[in-house]
Amino acid sequence: MSTEPGERRAMLEQELRRYVRELSQDLDTVGIVVFGSLGGGVLREDSDIDLMVVKETSAPFLERLRRMRRELQPKVATDFLVYTPEEVAYLWRCRPFFRVEIMGRGKVLYERERGTLAQLCA
């Protein structure tokens, strides 16, 4: 079953708003960035939500992803990346994909404190 581009965009944006609303209530959430086709505004028929969430956590990486899926129960295809602030700082320094695709072309949707993500990427 295929949906019209306008319908697809509306579904993705509605789900994205729900994610931001729920995640921003969590005091451990430092920031949220949407990237990929939705973040760059170039929507395709097969577009999903690519979301980076920065959280204060000591949980192992894969456990963070499992928790995110369990807590948010996505209704559309969604790829989550859940990083600690320290991991974001490291990725900014060492991974060009992170600098260009996620932070460069992505869109910041939420910051617990304004400028936090920019400080991590300085």
PDB file of N, CA and C in Angstrom:
ATOM      1  N   MET A   1       0.853  -1.184   0.000  1.00  0.00           N
ATOM      2  CA  MET A   1       0.000   0.000   0.000  1.00  0.00           C
ATOM      3  C   MET A   1       0.897   1.245   0.000  1.00  0.00           C
ATOM      4  N   SER A   2       0.708   2.072  -0.964  1.00  0.00           N
ATOM      5  CA  SER A   2       1.513   3.276  -1.121  1.00  0.00           C
ATOM      6  C   SER A   2       0.694   4.493  -0.707  1.00  0.00           C
ATOM      7  N   THR A   3       1.393   5.482  -0.185  1.00  0.00           N
ATOM      8  CA  THR A   3       0.705   6.709   0.209  1.00  0.00           C
ATOM      9  C   THR A   3       1.205   7.851  -0.659  1.00  0.00           C
ATOM     10  N   GLU A   4       0.395   8.855  -0.814  1.00  0.00           N
ATOM     11  CA  GLU A   4       0.773  10.048  -1.559  1.00  0.00           C
ATOM     12  C   GLU A   4       1.891  10.763  -0.802  1.00  0.00           C
ATOM     13  N   PRO A   5       2.774  11.478  -1.522  1.00  0.00           N
ATOM     14  CA  PRO A   5       3.872  12.174  -0.846  1.00  0.00           C
ATOM     15  C   PRO A   5       3.414  13.109   0.274  1.00  0.00           C
ATOM     16  N   GLY A   6       2.332  13.835   0.047  1.00  0.00           N
ATOM     17  CA  GLY A   6       1.836  14.744   1.083  1.00  0.00           C
ATOM     18  C   GLY A   6       1.351  14.003   2.314  1.00  0.00           C
ATOM     19  N   GLU A   7       0.690  12.873   2.091  1.00  0.00           N
ATOM     20  CA  GLU A   7       0.229  12.041   3.211  1.00  0.00           C
ATOM     21  C   GLU A   7       1.411  11.463   3.971  1.00  0.00           C
ATOM     22  N   ARG A   8       2.400  10.984   3.220  1.00  0.00           N
ATOM     23  CA  ARG A   8       3.598  10.398   3.843  1.00  0.00           C
ATOM     24  C   ARG A   8       4.294  11.440   4.713  1.00  0.00           C
ATOM     25  N   ARG A   9       4.483  12.629   4.167  1.00  0.00           N
ATOM     26  CA  ARG A   9       5.134  13.701   4.931  1.00  0.00           C
ATOM     27  C   ARG A   9       4.342  13.999   6.201  1.00  0.00           C
ATOM     28  N   ALA A  10       3.028  14.090   6.093  1.00  0.00           N
ATOM     29  CA  ALA A  10       2.188  14.389   7.264  1.00  0.00           C
ATOM     30  C   ALA A  10       2.318  13.299   8.318  1.00  0.00           C
ATOM     31  N   MET A  11       2.330  12.026   7.892  1.00  0.00           N
ATOM     32  CA  MET A  11       2.481  10.917   8.842  1.00  0.00           C
ATOM     33  C   MET A  11       3.824  10.987   9.565  1.00  0.00           C
ATOM     34  N   LEU A  12       4.882  11.205   8.800  1.00  0.00           N
ATOM     35  CA  LEU A  12       6.222  11.266   9.384  1.00  0.00           C
ATOM     36  C   LEU A  12       6.347  12.449  10.341  1.00  0.00           C
ATOM     37  N   GLU A  13       5.849  13.613   9.923  1.00  0.00           N
ATOM     38  CA  GLU A  13       5.958  14.800  10.771  1.00  0.00           C
ATOM     39  C   GLU A  13       5.117  14.672  12.034  1.00  0.00           C
ATOM     40  N   GLN A  14       3.961  14.043  11.934  1.00  0.00           N
ATOM     41  CA  GLN A  14       3.130  13.821  13.122  1.00  0.00           C
ATOM     42  C   GLN A  14       3.853  12.901  14.115  1.00  0.00           C
ATOM     43  N   GLU A  15       4.443  11.845  13.611  1.00  0.00           N
ATOM     44  CA  GLU A  15       5.169  10.916  14.483  1.00  0.00           C
ATOM     45  C   GLU A  15       6.406  11.595  15.075  1.00  0.00           C
ATOM     46  N   LEU A  16       7.078  12.397  14.280  1.00  0.00           N
ATOM     47  CA  LEU A  16       8.251  13.124  14.751  1.00  0.00           C
ATOM     48  C   LEU A  16       7.876  14.080  15.884  1.00  0.00           C
ATOM     49  N   ARG A  17       6.769  14.789  15.747  1.00  0.00           N
ATOM     50  CA  ARG A  17       6.308  15.688  16.815  1.00  0.00           C
ATOM     51  C   ARG A  17       6.025  14.902  18.102  1.00  0.00           C
ATOM     52  N   ARG A  18       5.442  13.714  17.942  1.00  0.00           N
ATOM     53  CA  ARG A  18       5.163  12.876  19.119  1.00  0.00           C
ATOM     54  C   ARG A  18       6.468  12.466  19.807  1.00  0.00           C
ATOM     55  N   TYR A  19       7.459  12.066  19.014  1.00  0.00           N
ATOM     56  CA  TYR A  19       8.759  11.689  19.592  1.00  0.00           C
ATOM     57  C   TYR A  19       9.348  12.853  20.383  1.00  0.00           C
ATOM     58  N   VAL A  20       9.371  14.023  19.769  1.00  0.00           N
ATOM     59  CA  VAL A  20       9.968  15.193  20.420  1.00  0.00           C
ATOM     60  C   VAL A  20       9.211  15.529  21.695  1.00  0.00           C
ATOM     61  N   ARG A  21       7.901  15.486  21.642  1.00  0.00           N
ATOM     62  CA  ARG A  21       7.080  15.781  22.825  1.00  0.00           C
ATOM     63  C   ARG A  21       7.416  14.802  23.963  1.00  0.00           C
ATOM     64  N   GLU A  22       7.466  13.516  23.656  1.00  0.00           N
ATOM     65  CA  GLU A  22       7.739  12.521  24.699  1.00  0.00           C
ATOM     66  C   GLU A  22       9.180  12.581  25.191  1.00  0.00           C
ATOM     67  N   LEU A  23      10.127  12.685  24.265  1.00  0.00           N
ATOM     68  CA  LEU A  23      11.540  12.700  24.656  1.00  0.00           C
ATOM     69  C   LEU A  23      11.912  13.963  25.424  1.00  0.00           C
ATOM     70  N   SER A  24      11.313  15.081  25.087  1.00  0.00           N
ATOM     71  CA  SER A  24      11.658  16.337  25.758  1.00  0.00           C
ATOM     72  C   SER A  24      11.169  16.351  27.214  1.00  0.00           C
ATOM     73  N   GLN A  25      10.246  15.462  27.565  1.00  0.00           N
ATOM     74  CA  GLN A  25       9.783  15.356  28.952  1.00  0.00           C
ATOM     75  C   GLN A  25      10.768  14.583  29.828  1.00  0.00           C
ATOM     76  N   ASP A  26      11.667  13.834  29.191  1.00  0.00           N
ATOM     77  CA  ASP A  26      12.666  13.036  29.900  1.00  0.00           C
ATOM     78  C   ASP A  26      13.830  13.952  30.285  1.00  0.00           C
ATOM     79  N   LEU A  27      14.080  14.095  31.563  1.00  0.00           N
ATOM     80  CA  LEU A  27      15.130  15.002  32.033  1.00  0.00           C
ATOM     81  C   LEU A  27      16.529  14.599  31.577  1.00  0.00           C
ATOM     82  N   ASP A  28      16.705  13.342  31.155  1.00  0.00           N
ATOM     83  CA  ASP A  28      18.007  12.886  30.668  1.00  0.00           C
ATOM     84  C   ASP A  28      18.261  13.269  29.209  1.00  0.00           C
ATOM     85  N   THR A  29      17.227  13.713  28.505  1.00  0.00           N
ATOM     86  CA  THR A  29      17.394  14.092  27.098  1.00  0.00           C
ATOM     87  C   THR A  29      18.078  15.449  27.015  1.00  0.00           C
ATOM     88  N   VAL A  30      19.203  15.469  26.313  1.00  0.00           N
ATOM     89  CA  VAL A  30      19.991  16.685  26.142  1.00  0.00           C
ATOM     90  C   VAL A  30      19.640  17.373  24.821  1.00  0.00           C
ATOM     91  N   GLY A  31      19.419  16.576  23.768  1.00  0.00           N
ATOM     92  CA  GLY A  31      19.116  17.153  22.472  1.00  0.00           C
ATOM     93  C   GLY A  31      18.535  16.125  21.523  1.00  0.00           C
ATOM     94  N   ILE A  32      17.865  16.623  20.482  1.00  0.00           N
ATOM     95  CA  ILE A  32      17.246  15.773  19.468  1.00  0.00           C
ATOM     96  C   ILE A  32      17.520  16.400  18.102  1.00  0.00           C
ATOM     97  N   VAL A  33      18.009  15.578  17.161  1.00  0.00           N
ATOM     98  CA  VAL A  33      18.305  16.037  15.806  1.00  0.00           C
ATOM     99  C   VAL A  33      17.677  15.067  14.815  1.00  0.00           C
ATOM    100  N   VAL A  34      16.908  15.585  13.857  1.00  0.00           N
ATOM    101  CA  VAL A  34      16.400  14.763  12.761  1.00  0.00           C
ATOM    102  C   VAL A  34      17.354  14.966  11.591  1.00  0.00           C
ATOM    103  N   PHE A  35      17.703  13.874  10.921  1.00  0.00           N
ATOM    104  CA  PHE A  35      18.616  13.966   9.778  1.00  0.00           C
ATOM    105  C   PHE A  35      18.092  13.052   8.675  1.00  0.00           C
ATOM    106  N   GLY A  36      18.871  12.883   7.634  1.00  0.00           N
ATOM    107  CA  GLY A  36      18.414  12.073   6.505  1.00  0.00           C
ATOM    108  C   GLY A  36      17.424  12.847   5.652  1.00  0.00           C
ATOM    109  N   SER A  37      16.581  12.117   4.924  1.00  0.00           N
ATOM    110  CA  SER A  37      15.682  12.770   3.965  1.00  0.00           C
ATOM    111  C   SER A  37      14.683  13.701   4.642  1.00  0.00           C
ATOM    112  N   LEU A  38      14.163  13.323   5.789  1.00  0.00           N
ATOM    113  CA  LEU A  38      13.195  14.196   6.469  1.00  0.00           C
ATOM    114  C   LEU A  38      13.883  15.445   7.028  1.00  0.00           C
ATOM    115  N   GLY A  39      15.070  15.284   7.582  1.00  0.00           N
ATOM    116  CA  GLY A  39      15.809  16.430   8.111  1.00  0.00           C
ATOM    117  C   GLY A  39      16.262  17.389   7.026  1.00  0.00           C
ATOM    118  N   GLY A  40      16.564  16.828   5.848  1.00  0.00           N
ATOM    119  CA  GLY A  40      17.015  17.661   4.740  1.00  0.00           C
ATOM    120  C   GLY A  40      15.899  18.173   3.861  1.00  0.00           C
ATOM    121  N   GLY A  41      14.680  17.738   4.127  1.00  0.00           N
ATOM    122  CA  GLY A  41      13.533  18.221   3.376  1.00  0.00           C
ATOM    123  C   GLY A  41      13.328  17.566   2.023  1.00  0.00           C
ATOM    124  N   VAL A  42      14.092  16.502   1.728  1.00  0.00           N
ATOM    125  CA  VAL A  42      13.957  15.807   0.450  1.00  0.00           C
ATOM    126  C   VAL A  42      13.286  14.467   0.725  1.00  0.00           C
ATOM    127  N   LEU A  43      11.983  14.460   0.691  1.00  0.00           N
ATOM    128  CA  LEU A  43      11.207  13.282   1.044  1.00  0.00           C
ATOM    129  C   LEU A  43      11.012  12.379  -0.172  1.00  0.00           C
ATOM    130  N   ARG A  44      11.217  11.080   0.058  1.00  0.00           N
ATOM    131  CA  ARG A  44      10.968  10.074  -0.978  1.00  0.00           C
ATOM    132  C   ARG A  44       9.843   9.163  -0.507  1.00  0.00           C
ATOM    133  N   GLU A  45       9.353   8.332  -1.404  1.00  0.00           N
ATOM    134  CA  GLU A  45       8.265   7.411  -1.059  1.00  0.00           C
ATOM    135  C   GLU A  45       8.663   6.480   0.074  1.00  0.00           C
ATOM    136  N   ASP A  46       9.945   6.099   0.124  1.00  0.00           N
ATOM    137  CA  ASP A  46      10.420   5.154   1.138  1.00  0.00           C
ATOM    138  C   ASP A  46      11.093   5.851   2.326  1.00  0.00           C
ATOM    139  N   SER A  47      10.927   7.147   2.455  1.00  0.00           N
ATOM    140  CA  SER A  47      11.568   7.886   3.550  1.00  0.00           C
ATOM    141  C   SER A  47      11.088   7.385   4.911  1.00  0.00           C
ATOM    142  N   ASP A  48      12.021   7.403   5.830  1.00  0.00           N
ATOM    143  CA  ASP A  48      11.710   7.070   7.216  1.00  0.00           C
ATOM    144  C   ASP A  48      12.162   8.232   8.083  1.00  0.00           C
ATOM    145  N   ILE A  49      12.116   8.047   9.384  1.00  0.00           N
ATOM    146  CA  ILE A  49      12.611   9.071  10.311  1.00  0.00           C
ATOM    147  C   ILE A  49      13.975   8.623  10.806  1.00  0.00           C
ATOM    148  N   ASP A  50      14.972   9.469  10.621  1.00  0.00           N
ATOM    149  CA  ASP A  50      16.312   9.242  11.166  1.00  0.00           C
ATOM    150  C   ASP A  50      16.472  10.230  12.307  1.00  0.00           C
ATOM    151  N   LEU A  51      16.617   9.719  13.518  1.00  0.00           N
ATOM    152  CA  LEU A  51      16.608  10.582  14.695  1.00  0.00           C
ATOM    153  C   LEU A  51      17.799  10.288  15.594  1.00  0.00           C
ATOM    154  N   MET A  52      18.557  11.344  15.897  1.00  0.00           N
ATOM    155  CA  MET A  52      19.621  11.225  16.885  1.00  0.00           C
ATOM    156  C   MET A  52      19.123  11.853  18.185  1.00  0.00           C
ATOM    157  N   VAL A  53      19.229  11.084  19.258  1.00  0.00           N
ATOM    158  CA  VAL A  53      18.841  11.561  20.577  1.00  0.00           C
ATOM    159  C   VAL A  53      20.094  11.559  21.441  1.00  0.00           C
ATOM    160  N   VAL A  54      20.374  12.686  22.073  1.00  0.00           N
ATOM    161  CA  VAL A  54      21.519  12.787  22.983  1.00  0.00           C
ATOM    162  C   VAL A  54      20.959  12.717  24.398  1.00  0.00           C
ATOM    163  N   LYS A  55      21.443  11.728  25.150  1.00  0.00           N
ATOM    164  CA  LYS A  55      20.915  11.493  26.498  1.00  0.00           C
ATOM    165  C   LYS A  55      22.046  11.273  27.484  1.00  0.00           C
ATOM    166  N   GLU A  56      21.804  11.696  28.702  1.00  0.00           N
ATOM    167  CA  GLU A  56      22.683  11.352  29.823  1.00  0.00           C
ATOM    168  C   GLU A  56      22.307   9.932  30.221  1.00  0.00           C
ATOM    169  N   THR A  57      23.178   8.979  29.977  1.00  0.00           N
ATOM    170  CA  THR A  57      22.884   7.583  30.289  1.00  0.00           C
ATOM    171  C   THR A  57      24.176   6.790  30.429  1.00  0.00           C
ATOM    172  N   SER A  58      24.101   5.746  31.206  1.00  0.00           N
ATOM    173  CA  SER A  58      25.235   4.827  31.322  1.00  0.00           C
ATOM    174  C   SER A  58      24.906   3.490  30.668  1.00  0.00           C
ATOM    175  N   ALA A  59      23.735   3.371  30.079  1.00  0.00           N
ATOM    176  CA  ALA A  59      23.318   2.124  29.431  1.00  0.00           C
ATOM    177  C   ALA A  59      24.187   1.854  28.204  1.00  0.00           C
ATOM    178  N   PRO A  60      24.471   0.594  27.928  1.00  0.00           N
ATOM    179  CA  PRO A  60      25.206   0.252  26.698  1.00  0.00           C
ATOM    180  C   PRO A  60      24.425   0.690  25.463  1.00  0.00           C
ATOM    181  N   PHE A  61      25.147   0.922  24.368  1.00  0.00           N
ATOM    182  CA  PHE A  61      24.559   1.469  23.155  1.00  0.00           C
ATOM    183  C   PHE A  61      23.335   0.687  22.680  1.00  0.00           C
ATOM    184  N   LEU A  62      23.453  -0.621  22.514  1.00  0.00           N
ATOM    185  CA  LEU A  62      22.327  -1.408  21.998  1.00  0.00           C
ATOM    186  C   LEU A  62      21.138  -1.407  22.947  1.00  0.00           C
ATOM    187  N   GLU A  63      21.395  -1.359  24.237  1.00  0.00           N
ATOM    188  CA  GLU A  63      20.295  -1.289  25.204  1.00  0.00           C
ATOM    189  C   GLU A  63      19.549   0.036  25.067  1.00  0.00           C
ATOM    190  N   ARG A  64      20.263   1.105  24.781  1.00  0.00           N
ATOM    191  CA  ARG A  64      19.620   2.416  24.573  1.00  0.00           C
ATOM    192  C   ARG A  64      18.638   2.347  23.404  1.00  0.00           C
ATOM    193  N   LEU A  65      19.066   1.684  22.333  1.00  0.00           N
ATOM    194  CA  LEU A  65      18.206   1.570  21.148  1.00  0.00           C
ATOM    195  C   LEU A  65      16.973   0.730  21.462  1.00  0.00           C
ATOM    196  N   ARG A  66      17.168  -0.369  22.182  1.00  0.00           N
ATOM    197  CA  ARG A  66      16.020  -1.214  22.559  1.00  0.00           C
ATOM    198  C   ARG A  66      15.037  -0.436  23.430  1.00  0.00           C
ATOM    199  N   ARG A  67      15.566   0.299  24.396  1.00  0.00           N
ATOM    200  CA  ARG A  67      14.696   1.093  25.277  1.00  0.00           C
ATOM    201  C   ARG A  67      13.915   2.143  24.500  1.00  0.00           C
ATOM    202  N   MET A  68      14.605   2.800  23.571  1.00  0.00           N
ATOM    203  CA  MET A  68      13.965   3.853  22.770  1.00  0.00           C
ATOM    204  C   MET A  68      12.786   3.268  21.991  1.00  0.00           C
ATOM    205  N   ARG A  69      13.000   2.130  21.342  1.00  0.00           N
ATOM    206  CA  ARG A  69      11.931   1.479  20.581  1.00  0.00           C
ATOM    207  C   ARG A  69      10.789   1.038  21.491  1.00  0.00           C
ATOM    208  N   ARG A  70      11.137   0.480  22.635  1.00  0.00           N
ATOM    209  CA  ARG A  70      10.119   0.007  23.571  1.00  0.00           C
ATOM    210  C   ARG A  70       9.303   1.171  24.128  1.00  0.00           C
ATOM    211  N   GLU A  71       9.968   2.258  24.480  1.00  0.00           N
ATOM    212  CA  GLU A  71       9.279   3.407  25.079  1.00  0.00           C
ATOM    213  C   GLU A  71       8.449   4.186  24.060  1.00  0.00           C
ATOM    214  N   LEU A  72       8.977   4.378  22.858  1.00  0.00           N
ATOM    215  CA  LEU A  72       8.269   5.204  21.869  1.00  0.00           C
ATOM    216  C   LEU A  72       7.318   4.406  20.977  1.00  0.00           C
ATOM    217  N   GLN A  73       7.558   3.126  20.823  1.00  0.00           N
ATOM    218  CA  GLN A  73       6.717   2.274  19.984  1.00  0.00           C
ATOM    219  C   GLN A  73       6.385   2.954  18.648  1.00  0.00           C
ATOM    220  N   PRO A  74       7.390   3.105  17.787  1.00  0.00           N
ATOM    221  CA  PRO A  74       7.198   3.815  16.520  1.00  0.00           C
ATOM    222  C   PRO A  74       6.054   3.259  15.678  1.00  0.00           C
ATOM    223  N   LYS A  75       5.315   4.173  15.059  1.00  0.00           N
ATOM    224  CA  LYS A  75       4.206   3.813  14.179  1.00  0.00           C
ATOM    225  C   LYS A  75       4.609   3.899  12.704  1.00  0.00           C
ATOM    226  N   VAL A  76       5.789   4.464  12.447  1.00  0.00           N
ATOM    227  CA  VAL A  76       6.358   4.518  11.097  1.00  0.00           C
ATOM    228  C   VAL A  76       7.807   4.058  11.194  1.00  0.00           C
ATOM    229  N   ALA A  77       8.398   3.725  10.058  1.00  0.00           N
ATOM    230  CA  ALA A  77       9.795   3.285  10.041  1.00  0.00           C
ATOM    231  C   ALA A  77      10.689   4.383  10.628  1.00  0.00           C
ATOM    232  N   THR A  78      11.463   4.009  11.640  1.00  0.00           N
ATOM    233  CA  THR A  78      12.300   4.988  12.338  1.00  0.00           C
ATOM    234  C   THR A  78      13.641   4.354  12.692  1.00  0.00           C
ATOM    235  N   ASP A  79      14.711   5.076  12.400  1.00  0.00           N
ATOM    236  CA  ASP A  79      16.054   4.674  12.809  1.00  0.00           C
ATOM    237  C   ASP A  79      16.506   5.617  13.908  1.00  0.00           C
ATOM    238  N   PHE A  80      16.765   5.067  15.087  1.00  0.00           N
ATOM    239  CA  PHE A  80      17.226   5.855  16.217  1.00  0.00           C
ATOM    240  C   PHE A  80      18.731   5.694  16.393  1.00  0.00           C
ATOM    241  N   LEU A  81      19.391   6.783  16.731  1.00  0.00           N
ATOM    242  CA  LEU A  81      20.757   6.767  17.239  1.00  0.00           C
ATOM    243  C   LEU A  81      20.686   7.449  18.594  1.00  0.00           C
ATOM    244  N   VAL A  82      21.180   6.794  19.626  1.00  0.00           N
ATOM    245  CA  VAL A  82      21.122   7.362  20.970  1.00  0.00           C
ATOM    246  C   VAL A  82      22.550   7.438  21.495  1.00  0.00           C
ATOM    247  N   TYR A  83      23.035   8.675  21.647  1.00  0.00           N
ATOM    248  CA  TYR A  83      24.404   8.916  22.074  1.00  0.00           C
ATOM    249  C   TYR A  83      24.438   9.708  23.375  1.00  0.00           C
ATOM    250  N   THR A  84      25.525   9.536  24.109  1.00  0.00           N
ATOM    251  CA  THR A  84      25.780  10.368  25.282  1.00  0.00           C
ATOM    252  C   THR A  84      26.438  11.669  24.797  1.00  0.00           C
ATOM    253  N   PRO A  85      26.447  12.714  25.625  1.00  0.00           N
ATOM    254  CA  PRO A  85      27.148  13.946  25.226  1.00  0.00           C
ATOM    255  C   PRO A  85      28.632  13.687  24.909  1.00  0.00           C
ATOM    256  N   GLU A  86      29.265  12.820  25.658  1.00  0.00           N
ATOM    257  CA  GLU A  86      30.679  12.509  25.412  1.00  0.00           C
ATOM    258  C   GLU A  86      30.866  11.829  24.055  1.00  0.00           C
ATOM    259  N   GLU A  87      29.946  10.951  23.705  1.00  0.00           N
ATOM    260  CA  GLU A  87      30.023  10.288  22.395  1.00  0.00           C
ATOM    261  C   GLU A  87      29.809  11.283  21.268  1.00  0.00           C
ATOM    262  N   VAL A  88      28.914  12.225  21.445  1.00  0.00           N
ATOM    263  CA  VAL A  88      28.685  13.254  20.419  1.00  0.00           C
ATOM    264  C   VAL A  88      29.959  14.058  20.198  1.00  0.00           C
ATOM    265  N   ALA A  89      30.627  14.462  21.274  1.00  0.00           N
ATOM    266  CA  ALA A  89      31.871  15.230  21.154  1.00  0.00           C
ATOM    267  C   ALA A  89      32.931  14.410  20.407  1.00  0.00           C
ATOM    268  N   TYR A  90      33.031  13.139  20.729  1.00  0.00           N
ATOM    269  CA  TYR A  90      33.994  12.259  20.057  1.00  0.00           C
ATOM    270  C   TYR A  90      33.655  12.112  18.569  1.00  0.00           C
ATOM    271  N   LEU A  91      32.388  11.824  18.263  1.00  0.00           N
ATOM    272  CA  LEU A  91      31.970  11.633  16.877  1.00  0.00           C
ATOM    273  C   LEU A  91      32.186  12.890  16.040  1.00  0.00           C
ATOM    274  N   TRP A  92      31.966  14.054  16.639  1.00  0.00           N
ATOM    275  CA  TRP A  92      32.189  15.319  15.940  1.00  0.00           C
ATOM    276  C   TRP A  92      33.655  15.431  15.510  1.00  0.00           C
ATOM    277  N   ARG A  93      34.547  15.055  16.408  1.00  0.00           N
ATOM    278  CA  ARG A  93      35.980  15.156  16.113  1.00  0.00           C
ATOM    279  C   ARG A  93      36.462  14.086  15.130  1.00  0.00           C
ATOM    280  N   CYS A  94      35.888  12.894  15.194  1.00  0.00           N
ATOM    281  CA  CYS A  94      36.493  11.741  14.517  1.00  0.00           C
ATOM    282  C   CYS A  94      35.712  11.156  13.345  1.00  0.00           C
ATOM    283  N   ARG A  95      34.483  11.557  13.152  1.00  0.00           N
ATOM    284  CA  ARG A  95      33.662  10.933  12.109  1.00  0.00           C
ATOM    285  C   ARG A  95      33.076  11.981  11.160  1.00  0.00           C
ATOM    286  N   PRO A  96      33.621  12.080   9.947  1.00  0.00           N
ATOM    287  CA  PRO A  96      33.102  13.049   8.977  1.00  0.00           C
ATOM    288  C   PRO A  96      31.607  12.871   8.691  1.00  0.00           C
ATOM    289  N   PHE A  97      31.112  11.635   8.610  1.00  0.00           N
ATOM    290  CA  PHE A  97      29.684  11.421   8.360  1.00  0.00           C
ATOM    291  C   PHE A  97      28.849  12.116   9.425  1.00  0.00           C
ATOM    292  N   PHE A  98      29.265  12.000  10.661  1.00  0.00           N
ATOM    293  CA  PHE A  98      28.528  12.628  11.764  1.00  0.00           C
ATOM    294  C   PHE A  98      28.506  14.146  11.587  1.00  0.00           C
ATOM    295  N   ARG A  99      29.679  14.734  11.294  1.00  0.00           N
ATOM    296  CA  ARG A  99      29.775  16.193  11.116  1.00  0.00           C
ATOM    297  C   ARG A  99      28.923  16.673   9.950  1.00  0.00           C
ATOM    298  N   VAL A 100      29.034  15.996   8.812  1.00  0.00           N
ATOM    299  CA  VAL A 100      28.385  16.468   7.588  1.00  0.00           C
ATOM    300  C   VAL A 100      26.903  16.096   7.546  1.00  0.00           C
ATOM    301  N   GLU A 101      26.594  14.827   7.698  1.00  0.00           N
ATOM    302  CA  GLU A 101      25.218  14.358   7.487  1.00  0.00           C
ATOM    303  C   GLU A 101      24.294  14.608   8.670  1.00  0.00           C
ATOM    304  N   ILE A 102      24.782  14.344   9.874  1.00  0.00           N
ATOM    305  CA  ILE A 102      23.886  14.468  11.030  1.00  0.00           C
ATOM    306  C   ILE A 102      23.854  15.905  11.539  1.00  0.00           C
ATOM    307  N   MET A 103      24.992  16.438  11.895  1.00  0.00           N
ATOM    308  CA  MET A 103      25.010  17.792  12.464  1.00  0.00           C
ATOM    309  C   MET A 103      24.988  18.881  11.387  1.00  0.00           C
ATOM    310  N   GLY A 104      25.583  18.619  10.227  1.00  0.00           N
ATOM    311  CA  GLY A 104      25.634  19.628   9.171  1.00  0.00           C
ATOM    312  C   GLY A 104      24.319  19.793   8.429  1.00  0.00           C
ATOM    313  N   ARG A 105      23.735  18.668   8.036  1.00  0.00           N
ATOM    314  CA  ARG A 105      22.492  18.710   7.250  1.00  0.00           C
ATOM    315  C   ARG A 105      21.255  18.444   8.079  1.00  0.00           C
ATOM    316  N   GLY A 106      21.457  17.949   9.284  1.00  0.00           N
ATOM    317  CA  GLY A 106      20.325  17.655  10.152  1.00  0.00           C
ATOM    318  C   GLY A 106      19.715  18.926  10.730  1.00  0.00           C
ATOM    319  N   LYS A 107      18.615  18.729  11.428  1.00  0.00           N
ATOM    320  CA  LYS A 107      17.874  19.861  11.989  1.00  0.00           C
ATOM    321  C   LYS A 107      17.681  19.611  13.488  1.00  0.00           C
ATOM    322  N   VAL A 108      18.158  20.539  14.303  1.00  0.00           N
ATOM    323  CA  VAL A 108      17.986  20.431  15.750  1.00  0.00           C
ATOM    324  C   VAL A 108      16.527  20.713  16.091  1.00  0.00           C
ATOM    325  N   LEU A 109      15.893  19.757  16.763  1.00  0.00           N
ATOM    326  CA  LEU A 109      14.479  19.898  17.119  1.00  0.00           C
ATOM    327  C   LEU A 109      14.286  20.252  18.581  1.00  0.00           C
ATOM    328  N   TYR A 110      15.276  19.920  19.395  1.00  0.00           N
ATOM    329  CA  TYR A 110      15.142  20.163  20.837  1.00  0.00           C
ATOM    330  C   TYR A 110      16.532  20.211  21.459  1.00  0.00           C
ATOM    331  N   GLU A 111      16.720  21.152  22.374  1.00  0.00           N
ATOM    332  CA  GLU A 111      17.902  21.200  23.234  1.00  0.00           C
ATOM    333  C   GLU A 111      17.424  21.533  24.632  1.00  0.00           C
ATOM    334  N   ARG A 112      17.911  20.778  25.593  1.00  0.00           N
ATOM    335  CA  ARG A 112      17.538  21.051  26.989  1.00  0.00           C
ATOM    336  C   ARG A 112      17.953  22.463  27.364  1.00  0.00           C
ATOM    337  N   GLU A 113      19.149  22.827  26.957  1.00  0.00           N
ATOM    338  CA  GLU A 113      19.638  24.203  27.134  1.00  0.00           C
ATOM    339  C   GLU A 113      20.135  24.670  25.777  1.00  0.00           C
ATOM    340  N   ARG A 114      19.720  25.853  25.394  1.00  0.00           N
ATOM    341  CA  ARG A 114      20.100  26.379  24.087  1.00  0.00           C
ATOM    342  C   ARG A 114      21.618  26.395  23.914  1.00  0.00           C
ATOM    343  N   GLY A 115      22.068  25.880  22.768  1.00  0.00           N
ATOM    344  CA  GLY A 115      23.488  25.879  22.446  1.00  0.00           C
ATOM    345  C   GLY A 115      24.252  24.668  22.928  1.00  0.00           C
ATOM    346  N   THR A 116      23.582  23.755  23.618  1.00  0.00           N
ATOM    347  CA  THR A 116      24.266  22.579  24.161  1.00  0.00           C
ATOM    348  C   THR A 116      24.926  21.751  23.074  1.00  0.00           C
ATOM    349  N   LEU A 117      24.206  21.470  22.013  1.00  0.00           N
ATOM    350  CA  LEU A 117      24.773  20.639  20.943  1.00  0.00           C
ATOM    351  C   LEU A 117      25.933  21.347  20.258  1.00  0.00           C
ATOM    352  N   ALA A 118      25.816  22.632  20.064  1.00  0.00           N
ATOM    353  CA  ALA A 118      26.915  23.395  19.454  1.00  0.00           C
ATOM    354  C   ALA A 118      28.156  23.339  20.336  1.00  0.00           C
ATOM    355  N   GLN A 119      27.978  23.408  21.652  1.00  0.00           N
ATOM    356  CA  GLN A 119      29.116  23.315  22.566  1.00  0.00           C
ATOM    357  C   GLN A 119      29.785  21.955  22.482  1.00  0.00           C
ATOM    358  N   LEU A 120      28.984  20.892  22.349  1.00  0.00           N
ATOM    359  CA  LEU A 120      29.550  19.549  22.237  1.00  0.00           C
ATOM    360  C   LEU A 120      30.339  19.389  20.949  1.00  0.00           C
ATOM    361  N   CYS A 121      29.963  20.141  19.930  1.00  0.00           N
ATOM    362  CA  CYS A 121      30.578  20.014  18.610  1.00  0.00           C
ATOM    363  C   CYS A 121      31.562  21.142  18.335  1.00  0.00           C
ATOM    364  N   ALA A 122      32.138  21.683  19.372  1.00  0.00           N
ATOM    365  CA  ALA A 122      33.099  22.777  19.188  1.00  0.00           C
ATOM    366  C   ALA A 122      34.520  22.255  19.231  1.00  0.00           C
TER     367      ALA A 122
END
